[in-house]
Each structure stands twice: as structure tokens, then as C-alpha cells.
């Protein structure tokens, strides 16, 4: 029996939302052989949908994605004038 796991994350970072979205899109483009299905969209907020066959794959993708969001945010903040 195969169970599917999924997670949905919504991110609203005011003026930084688009820049964070661009970072996520770039990362997704370079690592397309992921074992999870990841869909990222941008409206007024970033919505990230992750589906996986294995819970460990879902957890790993969530950790990587959230780390990238935090790093993108920190980078933007560090160059703020």
C-alpha cells in the first residue's frame, strides 16, 4: 500500500515576495530531478505545493525549501539601504 503525502506552504513577505519567488523558481529549475512533485505559484503570496510518495522525501523537500526562503529573505535584508 502506497500512501501519498502532501504539504502546502503560503508565504507573504511584503515587497520581498517576488524576489523570494524568483529564488525558488531558479532553484527548482536547476534541481528538476527531485523525488517530490513541487509546484510553486505567485499571486499576492507564494504558494508552494509539495507531493511525495515517501514521508522522508516530503520532509527533506520542506526543509530545503524553507531554508531557501529564509536565506533569500536574509540576503535581501542584508543589502537593504
PDB file of N, CA and C in Angstrom:
ATOM      1  N   UNK A   1       0.838  -1.188   0.000  1.00  0.00           N
ATOM      2  CA  UNK A   1       0.000   0.000   0.000  1.00  0.00           C
ATOM      3  C   UNK A   1       0.883   1.251   0.000  1.00  0.00           C
ATOM      4  N   UNK A   2       0.657   2.131  -0.948  1.00  0.00           N
ATOM      5  CA  UNK A   2       1.434   3.356  -1.047  1.00  0.00           C
ATOM      6  C   UNK A   2       0.580   4.540  -0.616  1.00  0.00           C
ATOM      7  N   UNK A   3       1.093   5.264   0.347  1.00  0.00           N
ATOM      8  CA  UNK A   3       0.410   6.468   0.796  1.00  0.00           C
ATOM      9  C   UNK A   3       1.067   7.673   0.152  1.00  0.00           C
ATOM     10  N   UNK A   4       0.286   8.671  -0.127  1.00  0.00           N
ATOM     11  CA  UNK A   4       0.822   9.918  -0.647  1.00  0.00           C
ATOM     12  C   UNK A   4       0.800  10.952   0.458  1.00  0.00           C
ATOM     13  N   UNK A   5       1.826  11.756   0.483  1.00  0.00           N
ATOM     14  CA  UNK A   5       1.939  12.818   1.473  1.00  0.00           C
ATOM     15  C   UNK A   5       1.988  14.141   0.735  1.00  0.00           C
ATOM     16  N   UNK A   6       1.434  15.168   1.349  1.00  0.00           N
ATOM     17  CA  UNK A   6       1.474  16.482   0.709  1.00  0.00           C
ATOM     18  C   UNK A   6       1.550  17.581   1.756  1.00  0.00           C
ATOM     19  N   UNK A   7       2.051  18.716   1.308  1.00  0.00           N
ATOM     20  CA  UNK A   7       2.141  19.893   2.167  1.00  0.00           C
ATOM     21  C   UNK A   7       1.884  21.126   1.310  1.00  0.00           C
ATOM     22  N   UNK A   8       1.317  22.125   1.940  1.00  0.00           N
ATOM     23  CA  UNK A   8       1.088  23.407   1.267  1.00  0.00           C
ATOM     24  C   UNK A   8       1.621  24.508   2.172  1.00  0.00           C
ATOM     25  N   UNK A   9       2.432  25.367   1.585  1.00  0.00           N
ATOM     26  CA  UNK A   9       3.028  26.481   2.313  1.00  0.00           C
ATOM     27  C   UNK A   9       2.632  27.761   1.603  1.00  0.00           C
ATOM     28  N   UNK A  10       2.236  28.754   2.379  1.00  0.00           N
ATOM     29  CA  UNK A  10       1.945  30.073   1.818  1.00  0.00           C
ATOM     30  C   UNK A  10       2.884  31.076   2.465  1.00  0.00           C
ATOM     31  N   UNK A  11       3.481  31.929   1.630  1.00  0.00           N
ATOM     32  CA  UNK A  11       4.455  32.900   2.115  1.00  0.00           C
ATOM     33  C   UNK A  11       4.066  34.276   1.603  1.00  0.00           C
ATOM     34  N   UNK A  12       3.991  35.216   2.521  1.00  0.00           N
ATOM     35  CA  UNK A  12       3.747  36.610   2.176  1.00  0.00           C
ATOM     36  C   UNK A  12       4.851  37.419   2.839  1.00  0.00           C
ATOM     37  N   UNK A  13       5.691  38.033   2.034  1.00  0.00           N
ATOM     38  CA  UNK A  13       6.856  38.755   2.557  1.00  0.00           C
ATOM     39  C   UNK A  13       6.877  40.202   2.065  1.00  0.00           C
ATOM     40  N   UNK A  14       5.710  40.797   1.974  1.00  0.00           N
ATOM     41  CA  UNK A  14       5.583  42.187   1.539  1.00  0.00           C
ATOM     42  C   UNK A  14       6.306  42.417   0.214  1.00  0.00           C
ATOM     43  N   UNK A  15       7.196  43.396   0.172  1.00  0.00           N
ATOM     44  CA  UNK A  15       7.884  43.753  -1.078  1.00  0.00           C
ATOM     45  C   UNK A  15       8.906  42.703  -1.510  1.00  0.00           C
ATOM     46  N   UNK A  16       9.279  41.793  -0.605  1.00  0.00           N
ATOM     47  CA  UNK A  16      10.292  40.782  -0.917  1.00  0.00           C
ATOM     48  C   UNK A  16       9.690  39.527  -1.549  1.00  0.00           C
ATOM     49  N   UNK A  17       8.377  39.442  -1.603  1.00  0.00           N
ATOM     50  CA  UNK A  17       7.715  38.218  -2.062  1.00  0.00           C
ATOM     51  C   UNK A  17       8.166  37.819  -3.464  1.00  0.00           C
ATOM     52  N   UNK A  18       8.196  38.741  -4.395  1.00  0.00           N
ATOM     53  CA  UNK A  18       8.588  38.426  -5.781  1.00  0.00           C
ATOM     54  C   UNK A  18      10.037  37.958  -5.857  1.00  0.00           C
ATOM     55  N   UNK A  19      10.926  38.597  -5.131  1.00  0.00           N
ATOM     56  CA  UNK A  19      12.340  38.202  -5.148  1.00  0.00           C
ATOM     57  C   UNK A  19      12.527  36.807  -4.565  1.00  0.00           C
ATOM     58  N   UNK A  20      11.822  36.497  -3.512  1.00  0.00           N
ATOM     59  CA  UNK A  20      11.898  35.157  -2.918  1.00  0.00           C
ATOM     60  C   UNK A  20      11.342  34.135  -3.898  1.00  0.00           C
ATOM     61  N   UNK A  21      10.249  34.457  -4.549  1.00  0.00           N
ATOM     62  CA  UNK A  21       9.667  33.574  -5.560  1.00  0.00           C
ATOM     63  C   UNK A  21      10.681  33.284  -6.673  1.00  0.00           C
ATOM     64  N   UNK A  22      11.370  34.320  -7.151  1.00  0.00           N
ATOM     65  CA  UNK A  22      12.371  34.139  -8.202  1.00  0.00           C
ATOM     66  C   UNK A  22      13.486  33.200  -7.750  1.00  0.00           C
ATOM     67  N   UNK A  23      13.895  33.302  -6.502  1.00  0.00           N
ATOM     68  CA  UNK A  23      14.928  32.409  -5.963  1.00  0.00           C
ATOM     69  C   UNK A  23      14.450  30.965  -5.961  1.00  0.00           C
ATOM     70  N   UNK A  24      13.211  30.763  -5.567  1.00  0.00           N
ATOM     71  CA  UNK A  24      12.650  29.411  -5.535  1.00  0.00           C
ATOM     72  C   UNK A  24      12.539  28.835  -6.939  1.00  0.00           C
ATOM     73  N   UNK A  25      12.132  29.643  -7.887  1.00  0.00           N
ATOM     74  CA  UNK A  25      11.999  29.189  -9.271  1.00  0.00           C
ATOM     75  C   UNK A  25      13.365  28.798  -9.854  1.00  0.00           C
ATOM     76  N   UNK A  26      14.378  29.587  -9.566  1.00  0.00           N
ATOM     77  CA  UNK A  26      15.715  29.287 -10.057  1.00  0.00           C
ATOM     78  C   UNK A  26      16.197  27.964  -9.482  1.00  0.00           C
ATOM     79  N   UNK A  27      15.997  27.759  -8.207  1.00  0.00           N
ATOM     80  CA  UNK A  27      16.410  26.508  -7.562  1.00  0.00           C
ATOM     81  C   UNK A  27      15.676  25.321  -8.160  1.00  0.00           C
ATOM     82  N   UNK A  28      14.390  25.471  -8.378  1.00  0.00           N
ATOM     83  CA  UNK A  28      13.585  24.377  -8.940  1.00  0.00           C
ATOM     84  C   UNK A  28      14.066  24.018 -10.348  1.00  0.00           C
ATOM     85  N   UNK A  29      14.462  25.030 -11.126  1.00  0.00           N
ATOM     86  CA  UNK A  29      14.915  24.803 -12.496  1.00  0.00           C
ATOM     87  C   UNK A  29      16.202  23.975 -12.526  1.00  0.00           C
ATOM     88  N   UNK A  30      17.124  24.236 -11.596  1.00  0.00           N
ATOM     89  CA  UNK A  30      18.404  23.542 -11.589  1.00  0.00           C
ATOM     90  C   UNK A  30      18.356  22.170 -10.922  1.00  0.00           C
ATOM     91  N   UNK A  31      17.319  21.899 -10.135  1.00  0.00           N
ATOM     92  CA  UNK A  31      17.210  20.606  -9.459  1.00  0.00           C
ATOM     93  C   UNK A  31      15.881  19.944  -9.816  1.00  0.00           C
ATOM     94  N   UNK A  32      15.668  19.735 -11.085  1.00  0.00           N
ATOM     95  CA  UNK A  32      14.393  19.187 -11.560  1.00  0.00           C
ATOM     96  C   UNK A  32      14.246  17.690 -11.314  1.00  0.00           C
ATOM     97  N   UNK A  33      15.326  16.981 -10.970  1.00  0.00           N
ATOM     98  CA  UNK A  33      15.241  15.537 -10.746  1.00  0.00           C
ATOM     99  C   UNK A  33      14.828  15.216  -9.306  1.00  0.00           C
ATOM    100  N   UNK A  34      14.028  16.034  -8.721  1.00  0.00           N
ATOM    101  CA  UNK A  34      13.584  15.864  -7.351  1.00  0.00           C
ATOM    102  C   UNK A  34      12.634  14.667  -7.239  1.00  0.00           C
ATOM    103  N   UNK A  35      12.653  13.987  -6.111  1.00  0.00           N
ATOM    104  CA  UNK A  35      11.771  12.843  -5.904  1.00  0.00           C
ATOM    105  C   UNK A  35      10.390  13.257  -5.416  1.00  0.00           C
ATOM    106  N   UNK A  36      10.177  14.536  -5.318  1.00  0.00           N
ATOM    107  CA  UNK A  36       8.864  15.049  -4.949  1.00  0.00           C
ATOM    108  C   UNK A  36       8.328  15.879  -6.110  1.00  0.00           C
ATOM    109  N   UNK A  37       7.034  16.059  -6.127  1.00  0.00           N
ATOM    110  CA  UNK A  37       6.411  16.935  -7.118  1.00  0.00           C
ATOM    111  C   UNK A  37       6.187  18.273  -6.422  1.00  0.00           C
ATOM    112  N   UNK A  38       6.867  19.291  -6.910  1.00  0.00           N
ATOM    113  CA  UNK A  38       6.792  20.602  -6.277  1.00  0.00           C
ATOM    114  C   UNK A  38       6.229  21.610  -7.263  1.00  0.00           C
ATOM    115  N   UNK A  39       5.199  22.315  -6.839  1.00  0.00           N
ATOM    116  CA  UNK A  39       4.562  23.331  -7.678  1.00  0.00           C
ATOM    117  C   UNK A  39       4.623  24.652  -6.907  1.00  0.00           C
ATOM    118  N   UNK A  40       5.163  25.674  -7.559  1.00  0.00           N
ATOM    119  CA  UNK A  40       5.316  26.979  -6.922  1.00  0.00           C
ATOM    120  C   UNK A  40       4.584  28.013  -7.766  1.00  0.00           C
ATOM    121  N   UNK A  41       3.722  28.791  -7.130  1.00  0.00           N
ATOM    122  CA  UNK A  41       2.991  29.829  -7.859  1.00  0.00           C
ATOM    123  C   UNK A  41       3.037  31.141  -7.076  1.00  0.00           C
ATOM    124  N   UNK A  42       2.830  32.223  -7.803  1.00  0.00           N
ATOM    125  CA  UNK A  42       2.854  33.553  -7.209  1.00  0.00           C
ATOM    126  C   UNK A  42       1.613  34.310  -7.619  1.00  0.00           C
ATOM    127  N   UNK A  43       0.900  34.771  -6.621  1.00  0.00           N
ATOM    128  CA  UNK A  43      -0.199  35.701  -6.842  1.00  0.00           C
ATOM    129  C   UNK A  43       0.165  36.902  -5.978  1.00  0.00           C
ATOM    130  N   UNK A  44      -0.546  37.161  -4.930  1.00  0.00           N
ATOM    131  CA  UNK A  44      -0.119  38.175  -3.966  1.00  0.00           C
ATOM    132  C   UNK A  44       0.784  37.547  -2.918  1.00  0.00           C
ATOM    133  N   UNK A  45       0.814  36.225  -2.912  1.00  0.00           N
ATOM    134  CA  UNK A  45       1.672  35.468  -1.997  1.00  0.00           C
ATOM    135  C   UNK A  45       2.246  34.288  -2.763  1.00  0.00           C
ATOM    136  N   UNK A  46       3.275  33.691  -2.210  1.00  0.00           N
ATOM    137  CA  UNK A  46       3.865  32.499  -2.804  1.00  0.00           C
ATOM    138  C   UNK A  46       3.117  31.293  -2.242  1.00  0.00           C
ATOM    139  N   UNK A  47       2.708  30.399  -3.113  1.00  0.00           N
ATOM    140  CA  UNK A  47       2.091  29.150  -2.690  1.00  0.00           C
ATOM    141  C   UNK A  47       2.964  28.007  -3.186  1.00  0.00           C
ATOM    142  N   UNK A  48       3.355  27.150  -2.255  1.00  0.00           N
ATOM    143  CA  UNK A  48       4.206  26.012  -2.579  1.00  0.00           C
ATOM    144  C   UNK A  48       3.431  24.743  -2.236  1.00  0.00           C
ATOM    145  N   UNK A  49       3.230  23.888  -3.226  1.00  0.00           N
ATOM    146  CA  UNK A  49       2.560  22.605  -3.023  1.00  0.00           C
ATOM    147  C   UNK A  49       3.579  21.502  -3.271  1.00  0.00           C
ATOM    148  N   UNK A  50       3.716  20.615  -2.305  1.00  0.00           N
ATOM    149  CA  UNK A  50       4.679  19.521  -2.419  1.00  0.00           C
ATOM    150  C   UNK A  50       3.942  18.204  -2.216  1.00  0.00           C
ATOM    151  N   UNK A  51       4.119  17.281  -3.156  1.00  0.00           N
ATOM    152  CA  UNK A  51       3.553  15.931  -3.059  1.00  0.00           C
ATOM    153  C   UNK A  51       4.702  14.938  -3.114  1.00  0.00           C
ATOM    154  N   UNK A  52       4.604  13.886  -2.299  1.00  0.00           N
ATOM    155  CA  UNK A  52       5.653  12.867  -2.278  1.00  0.00           C
ATOM    156  C   UNK A  52       5.057  11.510  -1.954  1.00  0.00           C
ATOM    157  N   UNK A  53       5.747  10.478  -2.404  1.00  0.00           N
ATOM    158  CA  UNK A  53       5.353   9.100  -2.098  1.00  0.00           C
ATOM    159  C   UNK A  53       5.875   8.690  -0.719  1.00  0.00           C
ATOM    160  N   UNK A  54       6.991   9.262  -0.312  1.00  0.00           N
ATOM    161  CA  UNK A  54       7.632   8.924   0.953  1.00  0.00           C
ATOM    162  C   UNK A  54       7.627  10.136   1.879  1.00  0.00           C
ATOM    163  N   UNK A  55       7.335   9.917   3.133  1.00  0.00           N
ATOM    164  CA  UNK A  55       7.320  10.996   4.110  1.00  0.00           C
ATOM    165  C   UNK A  55       8.703  11.623   4.254  1.00  0.00           C
ATOM    166  N   UNK A  56       9.749  10.824   4.196  1.00  0.00           N
ATOM    167  CA  UNK A  56      11.106  11.365   4.326  1.00  0.00           C
ATOM    168  C   UNK A  56      11.448  12.293   3.156  1.00  0.00           C
ATOM    169  N   UNK A  57      10.952  11.997   1.960  1.00  0.00           N
ATOM    170  CA  UNK A  57      11.190  12.874   0.803  1.00  0.00           C
ATOM    171  C   UNK A  57      10.444  14.193   0.984  1.00  0.00           C
ATOM    172  N   UNK A  58       9.232  14.121   1.495  1.00  0.00           N
ATOM    173  CA  UNK A  58       8.459  15.341   1.750  1.00  0.00           C
ATOM    174  C   UNK A  58       9.178  16.211   2.776  1.00  0.00           C
ATOM    175  N   UNK A  59       9.627  15.600   3.856  1.00  0.00           N
ATOM    176  CA  UNK A  59      10.315  16.338   4.910  1.00  0.00           C
ATOM    177  C   UNK A  59      11.594  16.988   4.383  1.00  0.00           C
ATOM    178  N   UNK A  60      12.366  16.251   3.596  1.00  0.00           N
ATOM    179  CA  UNK A  60      13.609  16.786   3.045  1.00  0.00           C
ATOM    180  C   UNK A  60      13.335  17.981   2.133  1.00  0.00           C
ATOM    181  N   UNK A  61      12.314  17.865   1.280  1.00  0.00           N
ATOM    182  CA  UNK A  61      11.973  18.964   0.380  1.00  0.00           C
ATOM    183  C   UNK A  61      11.470  20.174   1.156  1.00  0.00           C
ATOM    184  N   UNK A  62      10.652  19.942   2.170  1.00  0.00           N
ATOM    185  CA  UNK A  62      10.171  21.050   3.002  1.00  0.00           C
ATOM    186  C   UNK A  62      11.334  21.773   3.671  1.00  0.00           C
ATOM    187  N   UNK A  63      12.257  21.009   4.246  1.00  0.00           N
ATOM    188  CA  UNK A  63      13.414  21.623   4.905  1.00  0.00           C
ATOM    189  C   UNK A  63      14.227  22.451   3.922  1.00  0.00           C
ATOM    190  N   UNK A  64      14.503  21.909   2.749  1.00  0.00           N
ATOM    191  CA  UNK A  64      15.291  22.629   1.743  1.00  0.00           C
ATOM    192  C   UNK A  64      14.577  23.890   1.273  1.00  0.00           C
ATOM    193  N   UNK A  65      13.295  23.762   1.022  1.00  0.00           N
ATOM    194  CA  UNK A  65      12.519  24.904   0.528  1.00  0.00           C
ATOM    195  C   UNK A  65      12.449  26.016   1.574  1.00  0.00           C
ATOM    196  N   UNK A  66      12.157  25.648   2.807  1.00  0.00           N
ATOM    197  CA  UNK A  66      12.068  26.662   3.862  1.00  0.00           C
ATOM    198  C   UNK A  66      13.423  27.307   4.144  1.00  0.00           C
ATOM    199  N   UNK A  67      14.498  26.523   4.048  1.00  0.00           N
ATOM    200  CA  UNK A  67      15.839  27.085   4.212  1.00  0.00           C
ATOM    201  C   UNK A  67      16.142  28.088   3.100  1.00  0.00           C
ATOM    202  N   UNK A  68      15.740  27.768   1.879  1.00  0.00           N
ATOM    203  CA  UNK A  68      15.967  28.676   0.754  1.00  0.00           C
ATOM    204  C   UNK A  68      15.153  29.957   0.919  1.00  0.00           C
ATOM    205  N   UNK A  69      13.927  29.844   1.387  1.00  0.00           N
ATOM    206  CA  UNK A  69      13.101  31.032   1.639  1.00  0.00           C
ATOM    207  C   UNK A  69      13.776  31.918   2.691  1.00  0.00           C
ATOM    208  N   UNK A  70      14.248  31.301   3.779  1.00  0.00           N
ATOM    209  CA  UNK A  70      14.902  32.064   4.844  1.00  0.00           C
ATOM    210  C   UNK A  70      16.193  32.718   4.350  1.00  0.00           C
ATOM    211  N   UNK A  71      16.975  31.981   3.578  1.00  0.00           N
ATOM    212  CA  UNK A  71      18.231  32.510   3.045  1.00  0.00           C
ATOM    213  C   UNK A  71      17.973  33.656   2.073  1.00  0.00           C
ATOM    214  N   UNK A  72      16.965  33.509   1.236  1.00  0.00           N
ATOM    215  CA  UNK A  72      16.611  34.578   0.296  1.00  0.00           C
ATOM    216  C   UNK A  72      16.196  35.831   1.051  1.00  0.00           C
ATOM    217  N   UNK A  73      15.367  35.662   2.041  1.00  0.00           N
ATOM    218  CA  UNK A  73      14.919  36.781   2.860  1.00  0.00           C
ATOM    219  C   UNK A  73      16.100  37.445   3.556  1.00  0.00           C
ATOM    220  N   UNK A  74      16.986  36.653   4.154  1.00  0.00           N
ATOM    221  CA  UNK A  74      18.146  37.204   4.857  1.00  0.00           C
ATOM    222  C   UNK A  74      19.072  37.952   3.902  1.00  0.00           C
ATOM    223  N   UNK A  75      19.251  37.424   2.687  1.00  0.00           N
ATOM    224  CA  UNK A  75      20.107  38.091   1.694  1.00  0.00           C
ATOM    225  C   UNK A  75      19.539  39.441   1.301  1.00  0.00           C
ATOM    226  N   UNK A  76      18.248  39.486   1.084  1.00  0.00           N
ATOM    227  CA  UNK A  76      17.605  40.755   0.728  1.00  0.00           C
ATOM    228  C   UNK A  76      17.746  41.758   1.860  1.00  0.00           C
ATOM    229  N   UNK A  77      17.533  41.300   3.075  1.00  0.00           N
ATOM    230  CA  UNK A  77      17.654  42.174   4.242  1.00  0.00           C
ATOM    231  C   UNK A  77      19.081  42.702   4.422  1.00  0.00           C
ATOM    232  N   UNK A  78      20.074  41.886   4.096  1.00  0.00           N
ATOM    233  CA  UNK A  78      21.464  42.287   4.332  1.00  0.00           C
ATOM    234  C   UNK A  78      21.931  43.390   3.391  1.00  0.00           C
ATOM    235  N   UNK A  79      21.299  43.552   2.237  1.00  0.00           N
ATOM    236  CA  UNK A  79      21.705  44.606   1.310  1.00  0.00           C
ATOM    237  C   UNK A  79      20.768  45.808   1.349  1.00  0.00           C
ATOM    238  N   UNK A  80      19.834  45.774   2.260  1.00  0.00           N
ATOM    239  CA  UNK A  80      18.886  46.891   2.386  1.00  0.00           C
ATOM    240  C   UNK A  80      19.623  48.157   2.818  1.00  0.00           C
ATOM    241  N   UNK A  81      19.316  49.231   2.146  1.00  0.00           N
ATOM    242  CA  UNK A  81      19.966  50.522   2.474  1.00  0.00           C
ATOM    243  C   UNK A  81      18.977  51.385   3.218  1.00  0.00           C
TER     244      UNK A  81
END
